[in-house]
Amino acid sequence: MTGRVPDVTVVVAVYNTMPYLTECLNSLVGQSIGRERLEIVAVDDGSTDDSGRELDRFARLYPDTVKVIHQPNSGGPAAPSNRALEVATGRYVYFIGSDDYLGEEALERMVACADAGDADVVVGKMAGTNGRYVHQALYKDGNRDVSLYDSALPFTLANTKLFRRSLVEKHKLRFPENLPVGSDQPFTIEACVRARKISVVADYICYFAVKRGDASNITYRADHLSRLRCTAEIMDFTAGLLEPGPQRDAVLRRHFTWELAKLVQDDFPALDRALQREICAGIAKLADVYFTDGIRDAMDVKRRVRIALAQAGAVDELSEAISGEKEHGAPPFVVEGDRAYARYPGFRSPRLGLPDRTYELIGEAVPGRLAEGTELLSSGWEQPGDGLVYTASVRLPVVGDVGGATLRLVQGAMPKSANKTGARRLPADRTPPAPVGEITTEPAADGAGTVLHARVPLERRTVRLGVRVYVDVAGETYEIAVRGKDKPMPLARRWGRDEDPYRGSALVNDKGRVVIDTAQMHPPRRALAYRAMRRVAGKLKSRAVGLTSTGSKKPNGSKRK
């Protein structure tokens, strides 16, 4: 290395990441910022594959840029990252996973952002590859300055960011070496708490997070109790930095929503009973201290209920809630005035005594659950007299006062997926259409929903019709687009003003939709046009056949006239 002071030191902690390591290193030495402004410190943490040799190869190729340190295996990325910080000389320091890679302009853009705005931390936009999930909410509002307390930054706590090295050294920020999972979170959280300014580069993908084909990234390897212990230490560390209140809640909500909620996912019911109890006890210990009303109300109802059931030690109800949702989808709503509740196990159980607020549906959770739980039970048509009436029975995942629910047929093309249902909240300036035909409702036989029965006359001059149900839930009106695989859906063809639309017969086409057979309509205008076209085509064909059969060539090669 020369005596220059690089703009940025990139720290790479390496353990058995071939062949991904090669792409990672190539993306670093090829950065548009230029190697003269770049320092790469790679620490081989006792790799047993070819990672160490690959690092040495890059050090030989780029001796003024790449520095390699070899050390015995430490069991995680914290120790090699700390070792790299001891020798880093850049004005900024950046961390990258050795199986990931950077966009070509990543470092140049982030350093320019930090210099221009005097930011202590810069978050470059990340994207996942090979199915790796990366939270995107932080990048939706473009390049800007953010706070740890009023943005999606708590959901982006990896250390894959640009940090001003003077901030790191002033506060002696290092990675806890006793955490096999999540050791970057305490470092990132404290840096963001101490930072004067945090900026986001959202208009360019700086970082590509790779999920290995064998899913051997360290994030995917830890067991339940190890993850629980690490999460507890991270939450306690955060609580030591921030006083109780909204700012602490803004950070700790992430751990209830992600790390702890992931411990009570689909695999939980199949776990050993003793392990289930240990998990619930660990969650309860944290929830008793940190699960405030503010965090509870900010969470979606599914995860909120699971955390609350774990806190209550209700292993059976928790397993039932998880299994039931996996097998049957979201539970029904219970509607009471302007409030709605998800009827998960334990709802209003005297034994558990959980508050209704735990089960309450708040805002954005409603449309998806309406879409998931609405089902077209049956449909068909009747032909009373001259008319045609579409009939349908729709099951809604709502229990309680839904007397105002209505079904309408609306003009519009049907989607290709006839078995999917969508729902949305109606804007405040829109009111649901007035009921048409006969609408009745009754409780579902199992008491877990409401069935809406409708008889709706088909109107004249309709092309295609979609089935829409309108229902009030918790003071809001929702529009549900109902689909029905293998069920007749209404479709009527356009007819002329002077024609009788019901002269033909109703039938169900091969797509399961009710149609009006226009072939028998009077007068059959299209049929007449087709007949005339066929006559003209027939004459032309006859003439062509006659010419071919009798024609011959003259000696000079010209055709007969």
Protein backbone atom coordinates (compact mmCIF):
# COMPACT_ATOMS: atom_id res chain seq x y z
CA MET A 1 0.00 0.00 0.00
CA THR A 2 1.17 3.56 -0.70
CA GLY A 3 0.93 6.46 1.76
CA ARG A 4 -2.28 7.76 0.20
CA VAL A 5 -5.48 8.17 2.22
CA PRO A 6 -8.31 6.43 0.35
CA ASP A 7 -11.79 7.82 0.29
CA VAL A 8 -13.32 4.52 1.33
CA THR A 9 -12.19 1.26 2.88
CA VAL A 10 -14.31 -1.74 1.92
CA VAL A 11 -14.31 -4.47 4.56
CA VAL A 12 -14.89 -8.05 3.39
CA ALA A 13 -15.22 -10.80 6.00
CA VAL A 14 -14.67 -14.11 4.20
CA TYR A 15 -15.45 -17.70 5.09
CA ASN A 16 -15.96 -20.38 2.43
CA THR A 17 -17.77 -18.25 -0.14
CA MET A 18 -16.31 -19.53 -3.39
CA PRO A 19 -17.30 -19.13 -6.20
CA TYR A 20 -19.36 -16.11 -5.12
CA LEU A 21 -16.26 -14.41 -3.74
CA THR A 22 -14.78 -13.89 -7.21
CA GLU A 23 -17.77 -11.87 -8.40
CA CYS A 24 -17.72 -9.89 -5.17
CA LEU A 25 -14.05 -8.93 -5.58
CA ASN A 26 -14.43 -8.16 -9.29
CA SER A 27 -17.28 -5.79 -8.47
CA LEU A 28 -15.01 -3.98 -5.98
CA VAL A 29 -11.87 -3.54 -8.09
CA GLY A 30 -14.09 -2.46 -11.01
CA GLN A 31 -15.77 0.38 -9.10
CA SER A 32 -16.10 3.65 -11.02
CA ILE A 33 -14.65 5.55 -8.06
CA GLY A 34 -11.26 4.23 -9.16
CA ARG A 35 -8.75 2.03 -7.34
CA GLU A 36 -6.64 5.05 -6.36
CA ARG A 37 -9.51 6.19 -4.08
CA LEU A 38 -10.26 2.71 -2.80
CA GLU A 39 -8.89 0.36 -0.14
CA ILE A 40 -10.11 -3.23 0.19
CA VAL A 41 -9.40 -5.08 3.43
CA ALA A 42 -10.40 -8.75 3.19
CA VAL A 43 -10.10 -11.01 6.23
CA ASP A 44 -10.07 -14.74 5.60
CA ASP A 45 -11.69 -16.26 8.70
CA GLY A 46 -10.10 -19.71 8.39
CA SER A 47 -11.75 -20.74 5.12
CA THR A 48 -11.40 -24.41 4.14
CA ASP A 49 -12.27 -23.92 0.45
CA ASP A 50 -10.38 -21.86 -2.12
CA SER A 51 -11.45 -18.51 -0.68
CA GLY A 52 -8.06 -17.77 0.91
CA ARG A 53 -6.19 -18.52 -2.30
CA GLU A 54 -8.59 -16.36 -4.30
CA LEU A 55 -8.00 -13.44 -1.93
CA ASP A 56 -4.24 -13.84 -2.31
CA ARG A 57 -4.62 -13.85 -6.09
CA PHE A 58 -6.45 -10.52 -6.03
CA ALA A 59 -3.82 -9.10 -3.64
CA ARG A 60 -1.12 -10.00 -6.16
CA LEU A 61 -3.10 -8.47 -9.03
CA TYR A 62 -3.94 -5.25 -7.14
CA PRO A 63 -1.22 -4.80 -4.49
CA ASP A 64 -1.97 -1.08 -3.98
CA THR A 65 -5.67 -1.72 -3.40
CA VAL A 66 -6.26 -5.15 -1.87
CA LYS A 67 -4.95 -6.13 1.58
CA VAL A 68 -5.57 -9.67 2.85
CA ILE A 69 -5.43 -10.91 6.44
CA HIS A 70 -5.62 -14.62 7.30
CA GLN A 71 -6.78 -15.74 10.75
CA PRO A 72 -8.19 -18.88 12.42
CA ASN A 73 -11.93 -19.36 12.20
CA SER A 74 -13.83 -17.30 14.76
CA GLY A 75 -17.32 -18.67 14.14
CA GLY A 76 -18.93 -15.55 12.66
CA PRO A 77 -18.38 -12.33 10.70
CA ALA A 78 -17.94 -10.07 13.75
CA ALA A 79 -14.29 -10.88 14.57
CA PRO A 80 -12.95 -10.54 11.01
CA SER A 81 -14.88 -7.28 10.58
CA ASN A 82 -13.35 -5.91 13.79
CA ARG A 83 -9.88 -6.97 12.64
CA ALA A 84 -10.38 -5.10 9.38
CA LEU A 85 -11.43 -1.94 11.24
CA GLU A 86 -8.12 -1.99 13.07
CA VAL A 87 -6.20 -1.50 9.82
CA ALA A 88 -8.72 0.57 7.79
CA THR A 89 -7.44 3.99 6.65
CA GLY A 90 -10.27 5.35 4.48
CA ARG A 91 -12.33 8.44 5.29
CA TYR A 92 -15.35 6.17 5.08
CA VAL A 93 -15.76 2.47 5.71
CA TYR A 94 -18.16 0.18 3.86
CA PHE A 95 -19.05 -3.44 4.63
CA ILE A 96 -19.99 -6.08 2.06
CA GLY A 97 -20.86 -9.75 2.42
CA SER A 98 -18.34 -11.88 0.55
CA ASP A 99 -21.11 -13.64 -1.40
CA ASP A 100 -22.68 -10.35 -2.54
CA TYR A 101 -21.59 -7.72 -5.07
CA LEU A 102 -21.90 -4.00 -5.82
CA GLY A 103 -23.24 -2.00 -8.72
CA GLU A 104 -20.42 -0.36 -10.67
CA GLU A 105 -21.12 3.20 -9.49
CA ALA A 106 -22.11 2.30 -5.91
CA LEU A 107 -19.14 3.66 -3.97
CA GLU A 108 -18.74 6.76 -6.12
CA ARG A 109 -22.39 7.71 -5.61
CA MET A 110 -22.43 7.03 -1.86
CA VAL A 111 -19.17 8.90 -1.17
CA ALA A 112 -20.41 11.85 -3.24
CA CYS A 113 -23.68 11.82 -1.27
CA ALA A 114 -21.85 11.79 2.07
CA ASP A 115 -19.49 14.58 1.04
CA ALA A 116 -22.20 16.78 -0.43
CA GLY A 117 -24.54 16.49 2.54
CA ASP A 118 -22.03 15.95 5.33
CA ALA A 119 -23.77 12.69 6.20
CA ASP A 120 -22.29 10.27 8.72
CA VAL A 121 -24.20 7.27 7.34
CA VAL A 122 -25.30 6.64 3.75
CA VAL A 123 -27.66 3.82 2.84
CA GLY A 124 -27.35 2.69 -0.77
CA LYS A 125 -30.29 0.94 -2.38
CA MET A 126 -30.16 -2.84 -2.07
CA ALA A 127 -31.79 -5.57 -4.14
CA GLY A 128 -32.00 -9.33 -3.67
CA THR A 129 -30.95 -11.95 -6.20
CA ASN A 130 -31.71 -15.67 -6.49
CA GLY A 131 -34.80 -15.23 -4.31
CA ARG A 132 -33.08 -13.26 -1.52
CA TYR A 133 -35.58 -10.96 0.19
CA VAL A 134 -34.54 -7.35 0.75
CA HIS A 135 -36.90 -4.83 2.37
CA GLN A 136 -37.60 -2.02 -0.11
CA ALA A 137 -39.73 0.51 1.78
CA LEU A 138 -36.79 2.77 2.61
CA TYR A 139 -36.07 3.42 -1.06
CA LYS A 140 -39.57 4.23 -2.27
CA ASP A 141 -39.39 7.98 -1.57
CA GLY A 142 -36.16 8.63 -3.46
CA ASN A 143 -32.88 10.21 -2.38
CA ARG A 144 -33.32 12.00 0.93
CA ASP A 145 -32.22 12.33 4.54
CA VAL A 146 -33.92 10.02 7.04
CA SER A 147 -34.15 9.36 10.74
CA LEU A 148 -33.96 6.02 12.53
CA TYR A 149 -37.26 6.86 14.22
CA ASP A 150 -39.66 7.93 11.47
CA SER A 151 -38.67 5.86 8.45
CA ALA A 152 -38.26 2.24 7.38
CA LEU A 153 -34.59 2.32 8.39
CA PRO A 154 -35.13 -0.03 11.40
CA PHE A 155 -36.10 -2.68 8.84
CA THR A 156 -32.75 -2.19 7.05
CA LEU A 157 -30.23 -2.74 9.84
CA ALA A 158 -27.56 -4.69 7.99
CA ASN A 159 -24.11 -3.07 8.11
CA THR A 160 -24.01 -2.85 4.32
CA LYS A 161 -23.82 0.93 4.48
CA LEU A 162 -21.25 3.71 4.18
CA PHE A 163 -20.09 4.95 7.61
CA ARG A 164 -17.87 7.94 8.32
CA ARG A 165 -14.83 6.31 9.93
CA SER A 166 -14.27 9.18 12.35
CA LEU A 167 -17.76 8.45 13.78
CA VAL A 168 -16.86 4.77 14.13
CA GLU A 169 -13.63 5.52 15.95
CA LYS A 170 -15.01 8.36 18.10
CA HIS A 171 -17.62 6.05 19.62
CA LYS A 172 -15.42 2.93 19.39
CA LEU A 173 -18.08 1.09 17.40
CA ARG A 174 -17.32 -2.61 17.02
CA PHE A 175 -19.23 -5.81 16.34
CA PRO A 176 -20.18 -8.06 19.30
CA GLU A 177 -18.29 -11.28 18.74
CA ASN A 178 -20.62 -13.39 20.90
CA LEU A 179 -23.55 -13.17 18.45
CA PRO A 180 -23.59 -15.82 15.70
CA VAL A 181 -26.54 -14.05 14.05
CA GLY A 182 -27.29 -10.34 13.78
CA SER A 183 -23.92 -9.10 15.02
CA ASP A 184 -24.14 -6.19 12.56
CA GLN A 185 -27.33 -4.81 14.12
CA PRO A 186 -25.83 -3.30 17.31
CA PHE A 187 -23.12 -1.63 15.23
CA THR A 188 -25.63 -0.19 12.74
CA ILE A 189 -28.15 0.87 15.40
CA GLU A 190 -25.59 2.74 17.47
CA ALA A 191 -24.06 4.38 14.38
CA CYS A 192 -27.51 5.63 13.36
CA VAL A 193 -28.27 6.84 16.89
CA ARG A 194 -24.95 8.75 17.01
CA ALA A 195 -25.02 10.05 13.42
CA ARG A 196 -25.66 13.74 12.76
CA LYS A 197 -27.24 12.92 9.40
CA ILE A 198 -28.33 9.73 7.58
CA SER A 199 -28.85 9.88 3.81
CA VAL A 200 -30.32 7.44 1.30
CA VAL A 201 -29.18 6.81 -2.29
CA ALA A 202 -32.36 5.35 -3.78
CA ASP A 203 -32.00 6.06 -7.51
CA TYR A 204 -29.34 3.43 -8.17
CA ILE A 205 -29.00 -0.18 -7.01
CA CYS A 206 -25.76 -0.08 -5.07
CA TYR A 207 -25.83 -3.52 -3.46
CA PHE A 208 -26.94 -6.93 -4.72
CA ALA A 209 -27.61 -9.42 -1.91
CA VAL A 210 -27.19 -12.99 -3.13
CA LYS A 211 -28.99 -16.01 -1.72
CA ARG A 212 -26.69 -18.94 -2.32
CA GLY A 213 -28.02 -21.93 -4.17
CA ASP A 214 -27.49 -24.07 -1.06
CA ALA A 215 -29.02 -21.37 1.22
CA SER A 216 -25.85 -21.52 3.34
CA ASN A 217 -25.75 -17.79 4.12
CA ILE A 218 -25.31 -17.45 7.88
CA THR A 219 -28.74 -15.76 8.18
CA TYR A 220 -30.40 -18.96 6.99
CA ARG A 221 -28.46 -21.40 9.24
CA ALA A 222 -29.17 -20.49 12.85
CA ASP A 223 -31.61 -22.52 14.94
CA HIS A 224 -34.58 -21.19 16.89
CA LEU A 225 -32.98 -20.77 20.30
CA SER A 226 -29.82 -19.23 18.88
CA ARG A 227 -31.89 -16.65 17.00
CA LEU A 228 -33.96 -15.99 20.11
CA ARG A 229 -30.87 -15.40 22.25
CA CYS A 230 -29.29 -13.09 19.68
CA THR A 231 -32.49 -11.11 19.27
CA ALA A 232 -32.78 -10.69 23.04
CA GLU A 233 -29.24 -9.32 23.26
CA ILE A 234 -29.85 -6.91 20.38
CA MET A 235 -33.07 -5.62 21.94
CA ASP A 236 -31.44 -5.18 25.34
CA PHE A 237 -28.52 -3.36 23.70
CA THR A 238 -30.94 -1.03 21.90
CA ALA A 239 -32.82 -0.36 25.13
CA GLY A 240 -29.52 0.72 26.66
CA LEU A 241 -29.11 3.37 23.96
CA LEU A 242 -32.65 4.76 23.90
CA GLU A 243 -35.00 5.81 26.67
CA PRO A 244 -38.48 4.23 26.78
CA GLY A 245 -40.85 5.99 24.41
CA PRO A 246 -41.72 6.35 20.71
CA GLN A 247 -38.10 6.37 19.50
CA ARG A 248 -37.27 3.10 21.21
CA ASP A 249 -40.58 1.62 20.02
CA ALA A 250 -39.77 2.62 16.43
CA VAL A 251 -36.63 0.46 16.52
CA LEU A 252 -37.85 -2.47 18.62
CA ARG A 253 -41.02 -2.86 16.54
CA ARG A 254 -38.75 -4.33 13.88
CA HIS A 255 -37.66 -7.16 16.20
CA PHE A 256 -41.21 -8.10 17.15
CA THR A 257 -42.28 -7.92 13.49
CA TRP A 258 -39.34 -9.84 12.05
CA GLU A 259 -36.99 -11.76 14.32
CA LEU A 260 -39.51 -12.81 16.98
CA ALA A 261 -42.41 -13.31 14.57
CA LYS A 262 -40.23 -15.65 12.48
CA LEU A 263 -39.90 -17.93 15.49
CA VAL A 264 -43.67 -18.59 15.41
CA GLN A 265 -44.17 -19.27 11.72
CA ASP A 266 -45.44 -22.34 9.87
CA ASP A 267 -42.86 -24.73 11.35
CA PHE A 268 -43.79 -23.95 14.96
CA PRO A 269 -46.67 -26.47 15.37
CA ALA A 270 -44.36 -29.34 14.39
CA LEU A 271 -41.59 -28.44 16.85
CA ASP A 272 -40.93 -30.47 20.00
CA ARG A 273 -43.25 -29.41 22.82
CA ALA A 274 -40.38 -28.46 25.09
CA LEU A 275 -38.86 -26.28 22.35
CA GLN A 276 -42.24 -24.63 21.78
CA ARG A 277 -42.42 -23.73 25.46
CA GLU A 278 -38.86 -22.37 25.44
CA ILE A 279 -39.61 -20.17 22.46
CA CYS A 280 -42.79 -18.82 24.03
CA ALA A 281 -41.01 -18.20 27.33
CA GLY A 282 -38.25 -16.28 25.57
CA ILE A 283 -40.72 -14.17 23.61
CA ALA A 284 -42.73 -13.55 26.78
CA LYS A 285 -39.65 -12.31 28.63
CA LEU A 286 -39.02 -9.71 25.94
CA ALA A 287 -42.68 -8.83 25.43
CA ASP A 288 -43.20 -8.22 29.15
CA VAL A 289 -40.60 -5.45 28.96
CA TYR A 290 -40.77 -4.06 25.43
CA PHE A 291 -44.15 -4.96 23.85
CA THR A 292 -45.80 -1.58 24.40
CA ASP A 293 -49.24 -0.54 23.22
CA GLY A 294 -47.55 1.56 20.54
CA ILE A 295 -45.67 -1.42 19.11
CA ARG A 296 -48.74 -3.65 19.39
CA ASP A 297 -50.99 -1.26 17.50
CA ALA A 298 -48.40 -0.67 14.77
CA MET A 299 -48.12 -4.38 13.92
CA ASP A 300 -50.32 -6.33 11.54
CA VAL A 301 -52.92 -8.42 13.31
CA LYS A 302 -51.50 -11.83 12.37
CA ARG A 303 -48.09 -11.24 13.92
CA ARG A 304 -49.54 -9.20 16.78
CA VAL A 305 -51.80 -12.11 17.80
CA ARG A 306 -48.98 -14.63 17.56
CA ILE A 307 -46.69 -12.54 19.76
CA ALA A 308 -49.51 -12.04 22.29
CA LEU A 309 -50.34 -15.77 22.38
CA ALA A 310 -46.66 -16.61 22.88
CA GLN A 311 -46.46 -14.00 25.66
CA ALA A 312 -49.45 -15.64 27.33
CA GLY A 313 -47.84 -19.09 27.06
CA ALA A 314 -50.82 -20.29 25.00
CA VAL A 315 -48.92 -22.93 23.02
CA ASP A 316 -52.05 -24.79 21.87
CA GLU A 317 -53.88 -21.65 20.70
CA LEU A 318 -50.72 -20.41 18.98
CA SER A 319 -50.24 -23.70 17.13
CA GLU A 320 -53.91 -23.71 16.16
CA ALA A 321 -53.71 -20.13 14.86
CA ILE A 322 -50.68 -20.95 12.71
CA SER A 323 -52.00 -24.28 11.38
CA GLY A 324 -55.49 -22.91 10.75
CA GLU A 325 -54.24 -19.99 8.72
CA LYS A 326 -51.89 -22.21 6.72
CA GLU A 327 -54.67 -24.67 5.85
CA HIS A 328 -57.73 -22.44 5.57
CA GLY A 329 -56.47 -18.90 5.14
CA ALA A 330 -57.19 -15.91 7.33
CA PRO A 331 -59.94 -16.27 9.96
CA PRO A 332 -63.24 -14.39 9.58
CA PHE A 333 -63.85 -10.85 10.74
CA VAL A 334 -66.12 -10.12 13.63
CA VAL A 335 -67.76 -6.76 12.90
CA GLU A 336 -69.15 -4.68 15.74
CA GLY A 337 -70.08 -1.16 14.76
CA ASP A 338 -67.00 0.65 13.48
CA ARG A 339 -64.58 -2.03 14.72
CA ALA A 340 -63.60 -5.37 13.26
CA TYR A 341 -61.66 -8.23 14.82
CA ALA A 342 -59.87 -11.25 13.41
CA ARG A 343 -61.32 -14.32 15.07
CA TYR A 344 -58.07 -16.13 15.78
CA PRO A 345 -57.94 -18.74 18.57
CA GLY A 346 -58.01 -17.11 21.98
CA PHE A 347 -60.30 -14.26 20.93
CA ARG A 348 -62.22 -13.23 24.05
CA SER A 349 -61.06 -16.32 25.91
CA PRO A 350 -61.72 -15.84 29.64
CA ARG A 351 -58.73 -18.03 30.42
CA LEU A 352 -56.25 -15.93 28.41
CA GLY A 353 -57.87 -12.55 29.01
CA LEU A 354 -56.17 -10.89 26.01
CA PRO A 355 -57.56 -7.42 25.21
CA ASP A 356 -59.77 -7.05 22.14
CA ARG A 357 -57.22 -4.61 20.70
CA THR A 358 -54.86 -7.55 20.17
CA TYR A 359 -57.28 -9.00 17.62
CA GLU A 360 -58.50 -5.76 16.08
CA LEU A 361 -58.05 -5.14 12.37
CA ILE A 362 -56.40 -1.80 11.81
CA GLY A 363 -56.44 -0.23 8.36
CA GLU A 364 -54.35 -1.89 5.67
CA ALA A 365 -54.84 -5.45 6.93
CA VAL A 366 -58.49 -5.49 5.77
CA PRO A 367 -58.41 -5.57 1.92
CA GLY A 368 -56.04 -8.52 1.63
CA ARG A 369 -58.01 -10.56 4.13
CA LEU A 370 -61.31 -9.80 2.39
CA ALA A 371 -59.79 -10.89 -0.91
CA GLU A 372 -58.36 -14.06 0.60
CA GLY A 373 -61.53 -15.11 2.39
CA THR A 374 -64.25 -14.29 -0.17
CA GLU A 375 -65.51 -17.26 -2.17
CA LEU A 376 -68.11 -17.69 -4.90
CA LEU A 377 -70.08 -20.70 -3.66
CA SER A 378 -72.49 -21.07 -6.55
CA SER A 379 -73.76 -19.18 -9.56
CA GLY A 380 -76.07 -19.68 -12.49
CA TRP A 381 -78.97 -18.07 -14.26
CA GLU A 382 -82.72 -18.07 -14.49
CA GLN A 383 -84.86 -17.11 -17.46
CA PRO A 384 -88.20 -15.82 -16.14
CA GLY A 385 -90.40 -14.72 -19.02
CA ASP A 386 -88.46 -12.54 -21.45
CA GLY A 387 -85.55 -11.73 -19.13
CA LEU A 388 -82.35 -13.30 -17.93
CA VAL A 389 -81.35 -13.21 -14.24
CA TYR A 390 -77.89 -14.02 -12.91
CA THR A 391 -77.88 -15.76 -9.54
CA ALA A 392 -74.96 -16.07 -7.15
CA SER A 393 -74.15 -17.03 -3.56
CA VAL A 394 -70.96 -15.52 -2.15
CA ARG A 395 -69.36 -16.35 1.18
CA LEU A 396 -67.78 -13.38 2.97
CA PRO A 397 -65.25 -13.80 5.78
CA VAL A 398 -67.29 -11.43 7.96
CA VAL A 399 -69.42 -12.20 11.00
CA GLY A 400 -71.81 -9.64 12.43
CA ASP A 401 -73.63 -6.67 10.98
CA VAL A 402 -73.26 -6.95 7.19
CA GLY A 403 -76.86 -6.22 6.34
CA GLY A 404 -75.76 -3.50 3.94
CA ALA A 405 -73.68 -5.86 1.78
CA THR A 406 -74.67 -5.81 -1.88
CA LEU A 407 -73.67 -7.50 -5.14
CA ARG A 408 -73.52 -5.69 -8.46
CA LEU A 409 -72.63 -6.70 -11.98
CA VAL A 410 -70.33 -4.10 -13.48
CA GLN A 411 -69.18 -3.72 -17.06
CA GLY A 412 -65.55 -4.54 -17.69
CA ALA A 413 -63.30 -7.25 -19.04
CA MET A 414 -62.76 -10.25 -16.83
CA PRO A 415 -59.17 -10.98 -15.80
CA LYS A 416 -57.38 -14.02 -17.16
CA SER A 417 -57.23 -15.62 -13.71
CA ALA A 418 -60.84 -16.59 -13.06
CA ASN A 419 -60.04 -18.07 -9.66
CA LYS A 420 -58.55 -14.99 -7.98
CA THR A 421 -60.31 -12.38 -5.89
CA GLY A 422 -59.21 -8.82 -5.26
CA ALA A 423 -60.39 -6.21 -2.76
CA ARG A 424 -59.83 -2.51 -2.20
CA ARG A 425 -61.07 0.25 0.05
CA LEU A 426 -63.40 2.62 -1.75
CA PRO A 427 -62.08 6.21 -1.80
CA ALA A 428 -63.88 8.62 0.49
CA ASP A 429 -65.45 10.43 -2.50
CA ARG A 430 -66.99 7.25 -3.90
CA THR A 431 -70.12 5.53 -2.67
CA PRO A 432 -71.08 1.96 -3.51
CA PRO A 433 -73.68 1.57 -6.26
CA ALA A 434 -77.29 1.13 -5.25
CA PRO A 435 -78.47 -2.48 -4.92
CA VAL A 436 -80.02 -4.06 -8.01
CA GLY A 437 -82.26 -7.11 -7.88
CA GLU A 438 -82.82 -9.17 -4.76
CA ILE A 439 -80.07 -9.26 -2.09
CA THR A 440 -80.30 -11.31 1.10
CA THR A 441 -77.71 -12.39 3.68
CA GLU A 442 -77.55 -15.16 6.24
CA PRO A 443 -74.91 -16.54 8.63
CA ALA A 444 -72.75 -19.31 7.20
CA ALA A 445 -73.58 -22.78 8.48
CA ASP A 446 -70.31 -23.01 10.42
CA GLY A 447 -70.79 -19.60 12.01
CA ALA A 448 -67.49 -18.38 10.57
CA GLY A 449 -68.81 -16.08 7.86
CA THR A 450 -71.80 -14.63 6.07
CA VAL A 451 -73.38 -15.84 2.84
CA LEU A 452 -74.80 -13.25 0.45
CA HIS A 453 -77.46 -14.42 -2.02
CA ALA A 454 -78.21 -12.31 -5.10
CA ARG A 455 -80.58 -12.39 -8.08
CA VAL A 456 -79.48 -9.68 -10.51
CA PRO A 457 -81.18 -9.08 -13.89
CA LEU A 458 -78.84 -8.76 -16.86
CA GLU A 459 -79.21 -5.37 -18.50
CA ARG A 460 -79.41 -4.51 -22.20
CA ARG A 461 -76.33 -3.61 -24.20
CA THR A 462 -73.97 -5.24 -21.76
CA VAL A 463 -70.72 -6.63 -23.13
CA ARG A 464 -68.95 -8.26 -20.21
CA LEU A 465 -69.84 -8.22 -16.57
CA GLY A 466 -67.73 -8.57 -13.47
CA VAL A 467 -69.13 -9.59 -10.10
CA ARG A 468 -68.46 -7.02 -7.37
CA VAL A 469 -69.49 -7.24 -3.74
CA TYR A 470 -69.59 -4.14 -1.52
CA VAL A 471 -69.39 -4.56 2.23
CA ASP A 472 -68.79 -2.26 5.22
CA VAL A 473 -66.07 -3.30 7.66
CA ALA A 474 -65.00 -1.15 10.60
CA GLY A 475 -66.54 2.00 9.16
CA GLU A 476 -64.98 1.61 5.70
CA THR A 477 -66.59 0.35 2.49
CA TYR A 478 -64.67 -2.26 0.49
CA GLU A 479 -65.16 -3.43 -3.08
CA ILE A 480 -64.41 -7.11 -3.66
CA ALA A 481 -63.95 -8.41 -7.20
CA VAL A 482 -65.26 -11.97 -7.03
CA ARG A 483 -63.92 -14.71 -9.26
CA GLY A 484 -65.11 -18.28 -9.56
CA LYS A 485 -63.14 -21.07 -11.15
CA ASP A 486 -65.48 -23.50 -12.93
CA LYS A 487 -68.45 -21.33 -11.89
CA PRO A 488 -70.66 -19.53 -14.42
CA MET A 489 -69.72 -15.86 -14.63
CA PRO A 490 -71.97 -13.38 -16.45
CA LEU A 491 -71.09 -12.43 -20.01
CA ALA A 492 -73.60 -10.88 -22.43
CA ARG A 493 -72.96 -9.88 -26.03
CA ARG A 494 -73.88 -6.47 -27.41
CA TRP A 495 -77.12 -6.35 -29.37
CA GLY A 496 -78.79 -3.76 -31.58
CA ARG A 497 -81.31 -1.25 -30.31
CA ASP A 498 -84.18 -2.80 -32.25
CA GLU A 499 -83.24 -6.39 -31.50
CA ASP A 500 -84.68 -8.67 -28.90
CA PRO A 501 -81.78 -9.56 -26.59
CA TYR A 502 -83.58 -12.57 -25.16
CA ARG A 503 -84.67 -14.13 -28.44
CA GLY A 504 -81.78 -16.57 -28.10
CA SER A 505 -81.12 -18.96 -25.25
CA ALA A 506 -78.78 -18.63 -22.25
CA LEU A 507 -75.89 -21.04 -21.95
CA VAL A 508 -72.54 -21.51 -20.20
CA ASN A 509 -69.50 -21.27 -22.45
CA ASP A 510 -66.25 -23.24 -22.11
CA LYS A 511 -64.89 -20.57 -19.74
CA GLY A 512 -67.73 -21.07 -17.29
CA ARG A 513 -69.51 -17.80 -18.10
CA VAL A 514 -73.21 -17.19 -18.74
CA VAL A 515 -73.64 -16.03 -22.34
CA ILE A 516 -76.55 -15.16 -24.58
CA ASP A 517 -76.54 -17.26 -27.75
CA THR A 518 -76.58 -14.59 -30.46
CA ALA A 519 -76.77 -17.09 -33.32
CA GLN A 520 -80.57 -17.23 -33.02
CA MET A 521 -81.08 -13.48 -32.58
CA HIS A 522 -83.31 -11.69 -35.08
CA PRO A 523 -82.35 -10.11 -37.32
CA PRO A 524 -79.01 -11.92 -37.44
CA ARG A 525 -76.99 -9.03 -38.85
CA ARG A 526 -73.59 -10.58 -38.37
CA ALA A 527 -74.81 -13.85 -39.84
CA LEU A 528 -76.06 -12.01 -42.94
CA ALA A 529 -72.71 -10.27 -43.32
CA TYR A 530 -70.82 -13.53 -42.93
CA ARG A 531 -73.12 -15.21 -45.47
CA ALA A 532 -72.51 -12.45 -48.00
CA MET A 533 -68.76 -12.66 -47.48
CA ARG A 534 -68.86 -16.41 -47.95
CA ARG A 535 -70.77 -16.02 -51.23
CA VAL A 536 -68.17 -13.58 -52.59
CA ALA A 537 -65.32 -15.81 -51.44
CA GLY A 538 -66.99 -18.83 -53.04
CA LYS A 539 -67.33 -17.10 -56.40
CA LEU A 540 -63.69 -16.02 -56.37
CA LYS A 541 -62.58 -19.53 -55.47
CA SER A 542 -64.71 -21.10 -58.24
CA ARG A 543 -63.28 -18.73 -60.79
CA ALA A 544 -59.72 -19.47 -59.66
CA VAL A 545 -60.31 -23.23 -59.84
CA GLY A 546 -61.82 -22.91 -63.34
CA LEU A 547 -58.88 -20.92 -64.62
CA THR A 548 -56.40 -23.42 -63.20
CA SER A 549 -58.10 -26.47 -64.68
CA THR A 550 -58.46 -25.08 -68.24
CA GLY A 551 -55.51 -22.75 -68.49
CA SER A 552 -52.26 -23.47 -70.42
CA LYS A 553 -49.19 -21.52 -71.39
CA LYS A 554 -48.50 -19.98 -74.81
CA PRO A 555 -45.19 -20.89 -76.50
CA ASN A 556 -43.60 -17.60 -75.41
CA GLY A 557 -44.43 -18.44 -71.74
CA SER A 558 -47.30 -15.95 -71.27
CA LYS A 559 -50.58 -17.03 -69.68
CA ARG A 560 -53.90 -17.21 -71.48
CA LYS A 561 -56.05 -14.21 -71.01
